[in-house]
N, C-alpha and C. Protein backbone atom coordinates (compact mmCIF):
# COMPACT_ATOMS: atom_id res chain seq x y z
N MET A 1 0.83 -1.17 0.00
CA MET A 1 0.00 0.00 0.00
C MET A 1 0.88 1.24 0.00
N ALA A 2 0.48 2.23 -0.73
CA ALA A 2 1.26 3.47 -0.86
C ALA A 2 0.89 4.45 0.26
N THR A 3 1.87 5.25 0.64
CA THR A 3 1.67 6.30 1.63
C THR A 3 1.78 7.64 0.91
N ILE A 4 0.84 8.54 1.21
CA ILE A 4 0.83 9.85 0.56
C ILE A 4 0.96 10.93 1.63
N ASN A 5 1.99 11.76 1.51
CA ASN A 5 2.23 12.85 2.46
C ASN A 5 2.59 14.12 1.71
N PHE A 6 2.45 15.24 2.40
CA PHE A 6 2.90 16.52 1.87
C PHE A 6 4.18 16.91 2.61
N GLU A 7 5.12 17.51 1.87
CA GLU A 7 6.38 17.96 2.46
C GLU A 7 6.67 19.38 2.02
N LEU A 8 7.15 20.17 2.96
CA LEU A 8 7.64 21.51 2.64
C LEU A 8 9.13 21.37 2.35
N ARG A 9 9.53 21.65 1.12
CA ARG A 9 10.93 21.48 0.72
C ARG A 9 11.71 22.75 1.08
N GLU A 10 12.28 22.76 2.27
CA GLU A 10 12.97 23.93 2.79
C GLU A 10 14.30 24.20 2.10
N ASN A 11 14.79 23.25 1.32
CA ASN A 11 16.05 23.46 0.60
C ASN A 11 15.84 24.21 -0.72
N LYS A 12 14.60 24.53 -1.07
CA LYS A 12 14.30 25.22 -2.33
C LYS A 12 13.58 26.55 -2.07
N VAL A 13 14.11 27.34 -1.15
CA VAL A 13 13.50 28.62 -0.78
C VAL A 13 13.76 29.65 -1.88
N ASN A 14 12.70 30.42 -2.25
CA ASN A 14 12.88 31.45 -3.26
C ASN A 14 13.28 32.78 -2.60
N ALA A 15 13.39 33.83 -3.37
CA ALA A 15 13.85 35.13 -2.86
C ALA A 15 12.87 35.73 -1.85
N ARG A 16 11.60 35.37 -1.92
CA ARG A 16 10.61 35.91 -0.98
C ARG A 16 10.52 35.09 0.29
N GLY A 17 11.35 34.05 0.42
CA GLY A 17 11.37 33.22 1.62
C GLY A 17 10.32 32.13 1.63
N GLU A 18 9.75 31.82 0.47
CA GLU A 18 8.71 30.79 0.37
C GLU A 18 9.30 29.48 -0.14
N SER A 19 8.83 28.39 0.43
CA SER A 19 9.26 27.05 0.03
C SER A 19 8.11 26.33 -0.66
N PRO A 20 8.42 25.46 -1.62
CA PRO A 20 7.35 24.72 -2.31
C PRO A 20 6.84 23.55 -1.48
N ILE A 21 5.58 23.22 -1.67
CA ILE A 21 4.98 22.05 -1.04
C ILE A 21 4.92 20.95 -2.09
N TYR A 22 5.49 19.80 -1.75
CA TYR A 22 5.51 18.66 -2.66
C TYR A 22 4.65 17.54 -2.10
N LEU A 23 4.07 16.77 -2.99
CA LEU A 23 3.33 15.57 -2.63
C LEU A 23 4.31 14.40 -2.74
N ARG A 24 4.50 13.67 -1.62
CA ARG A 24 5.42 12.53 -1.63
C ARG A 24 4.61 11.25 -1.59
N ILE A 25 4.86 10.38 -2.56
CA ILE A 25 4.20 9.09 -2.62
C ILE A 25 5.26 8.02 -2.37
N SER A 26 5.04 7.19 -1.36
CA SER A 26 5.99 6.13 -1.00
C SER A 26 5.32 4.78 -1.22
N HIS A 27 6.03 3.91 -1.92
CA HIS A 27 5.53 2.56 -2.15
C HIS A 27 6.73 1.63 -2.23
N ASN A 28 6.72 0.58 -1.41
CA ASN A 28 7.83 -0.38 -1.36
C ASN A 28 9.18 0.31 -1.15
N ARG A 29 9.20 1.26 -0.23
CA ARG A 29 10.40 2.01 0.15
C ARG A 29 10.97 2.86 -1.00
N LYS A 30 10.20 3.11 -2.00
CA LYS A 30 10.61 3.98 -3.10
C LYS A 30 9.72 5.22 -3.05
N HIS A 31 10.33 6.38 -3.25
CA HIS A 31 9.62 7.64 -3.13
C HIS A 31 9.54 8.35 -4.48
N ALA A 32 8.44 9.03 -4.69
CA ALA A 32 8.26 9.88 -5.86
C ALA A 32 7.67 11.19 -5.37
N TRP A 33 8.17 12.30 -5.89
CA TRP A 33 7.69 13.61 -5.49
C TRP A 33 7.02 14.31 -6.65
N MET A 34 5.90 14.98 -6.35
CA MET A 34 5.19 15.77 -7.35
C MET A 34 5.01 17.18 -6.78
N SER A 35 5.30 18.17 -7.58
CA SER A 35 5.11 19.54 -7.14
C SER A 35 3.63 19.89 -7.15
N THR A 36 3.19 20.60 -6.12
CA THR A 36 1.80 21.04 -6.06
C THR A 36 1.64 22.43 -6.65
N GLY A 37 2.75 23.14 -6.82
CA GLY A 37 2.69 24.51 -7.33
C GLY A 37 2.36 25.53 -6.25
N ILE A 38 2.28 25.08 -5.01
CA ILE A 38 1.96 25.96 -3.89
C ILE A 38 3.24 26.27 -3.13
N ARG A 39 3.43 27.55 -2.82
CA ARG A 39 4.60 27.97 -2.04
C ARG A 39 4.12 28.77 -0.83
N VAL A 40 4.68 28.47 0.34
CA VAL A 40 4.37 29.21 1.56
C VAL A 40 5.65 29.37 2.38
N LYS A 41 5.63 30.34 3.27
CA LYS A 41 6.73 30.50 4.20
C LYS A 41 6.64 29.41 5.26
N LYS A 42 7.79 29.07 5.84
CA LYS A 42 7.85 27.99 6.80
C LYS A 42 6.92 28.23 8.00
N LYS A 43 6.77 29.48 8.41
CA LYS A 43 5.94 29.77 9.59
C LYS A 43 4.46 29.48 9.35
N TYR A 44 4.04 29.36 8.09
CA TYR A 44 2.65 29.07 7.76
C TYR A 44 2.37 27.59 7.53
N TRP A 45 3.39 26.74 7.63
CA TRP A 45 3.21 25.32 7.36
C TRP A 45 3.18 24.53 8.66
N ASN A 46 2.18 23.67 8.82
CA ASN A 46 2.06 22.81 9.99
C ASN A 46 2.46 21.39 9.58
N ASP A 47 3.62 20.93 10.05
CA ASP A 47 4.12 19.60 9.68
C ASP A 47 3.24 18.48 10.22
N ASP A 48 2.69 18.66 11.41
CA ASP A 48 1.91 17.60 12.02
C ASP A 48 0.63 17.30 11.23
N SER A 49 -0.11 18.34 10.88
CA SER A 49 -1.36 18.13 10.15
C SER A 49 -1.17 18.21 8.64
N GLN A 50 0.01 18.60 8.19
CA GLN A 50 0.34 18.74 6.77
C GLN A 50 -0.64 19.67 6.08
N ARG A 51 -0.88 20.80 6.69
CA ARG A 51 -1.79 21.82 6.17
C ARG A 51 -1.19 23.20 6.38
N VAL A 52 -1.73 24.18 5.64
CA VAL A 52 -1.34 25.57 5.80
C VAL A 52 -2.05 26.10 7.05
N ARG A 53 -1.34 26.85 7.86
CA ARG A 53 -1.90 27.35 9.11
C ARG A 53 -2.97 28.41 8.86
N ARG A 54 -3.83 28.58 9.84
CA ARG A 54 -4.93 29.53 9.74
C ARG A 54 -4.45 30.97 9.72
N SER A 55 -3.22 31.23 10.12
CA SER A 55 -2.70 32.59 10.13
C SER A 55 -2.37 33.10 8.73
N HIS A 56 -2.34 32.23 7.73
CA HIS A 56 -2.11 32.62 6.33
C HIS A 56 -3.40 33.22 5.76
N ASP A 57 -3.26 34.25 4.91
CA ASP A 57 -4.44 34.93 4.33
C ASP A 57 -5.36 33.98 3.57
N ARG A 58 -4.76 33.10 2.77
CA ARG A 58 -5.54 32.24 1.86
C ARG A 58 -5.48 30.78 2.28
N TYR A 59 -5.49 30.51 3.57
CA TYR A 59 -5.31 29.13 4.04
C TYR A 59 -6.43 28.20 3.57
N LYS A 60 -7.67 28.68 3.49
CA LYS A 60 -8.78 27.82 3.07
C LYS A 60 -8.60 27.36 1.63
N LYS A 61 -8.25 28.29 0.75
CA LYS A 61 -8.08 27.97 -0.66
C LYS A 61 -6.89 27.02 -0.86
N LEU A 62 -5.78 27.30 -0.18
CA LEU A 62 -4.59 26.46 -0.33
C LEU A 62 -4.83 25.06 0.22
N ASN A 63 -5.47 24.95 1.37
CA ASN A 63 -5.75 23.63 1.94
C ASN A 63 -6.73 22.86 1.06
N HIS A 64 -7.68 23.56 0.46
CA HIS A 64 -8.61 22.90 -0.46
C HIS A 64 -7.86 22.33 -1.67
N GLU A 65 -6.90 23.08 -2.19
CA GLU A 65 -6.09 22.58 -3.31
C GLU A 65 -5.27 21.37 -2.90
N LEU A 66 -4.74 21.38 -1.67
CA LEU A 66 -3.96 20.23 -1.19
C LEU A 66 -4.85 18.99 -1.07
N VAL A 67 -6.07 19.15 -0.62
CA VAL A 67 -7.00 18.02 -0.53
C VAL A 67 -7.28 17.47 -1.92
N LYS A 68 -7.43 18.35 -2.91
CA LYS A 68 -7.66 17.89 -4.28
C LYS A 68 -6.46 17.09 -4.81
N PHE A 69 -5.23 17.56 -4.52
CA PHE A 69 -4.03 16.82 -4.94
C PHE A 69 -4.00 15.45 -4.28
N HIS A 70 -4.33 15.40 -2.99
CA HIS A 70 -4.32 14.13 -2.26
C HIS A 70 -5.33 13.15 -2.85
N ASN A 71 -6.52 13.63 -3.16
CA ASN A 71 -7.55 12.77 -3.73
C ASN A 71 -7.19 12.28 -5.12
N ASP A 72 -6.55 13.14 -5.93
CA ASP A 72 -6.16 12.73 -7.28
C ASP A 72 -5.06 11.67 -7.25
N ALA A 73 -4.18 11.77 -6.24
CA ALA A 73 -3.09 10.80 -6.14
C ALA A 73 -3.63 9.45 -5.72
């Protein structure tokens, strides 16, 4: 069975201090990453729930997009 998680790739920070969110799919100890096209600052990302924090202006829209990516995967 495959595991699907979101990761904030902190090693790819842009000039505005935003990092991309990637969808990580793990199956049989092999990983594949897909870009979601969403970028947020580290302070707006919650690692435990794998969601954008409520303190972000557009957290509802971004979290809705993440749910859509998860369902498509």
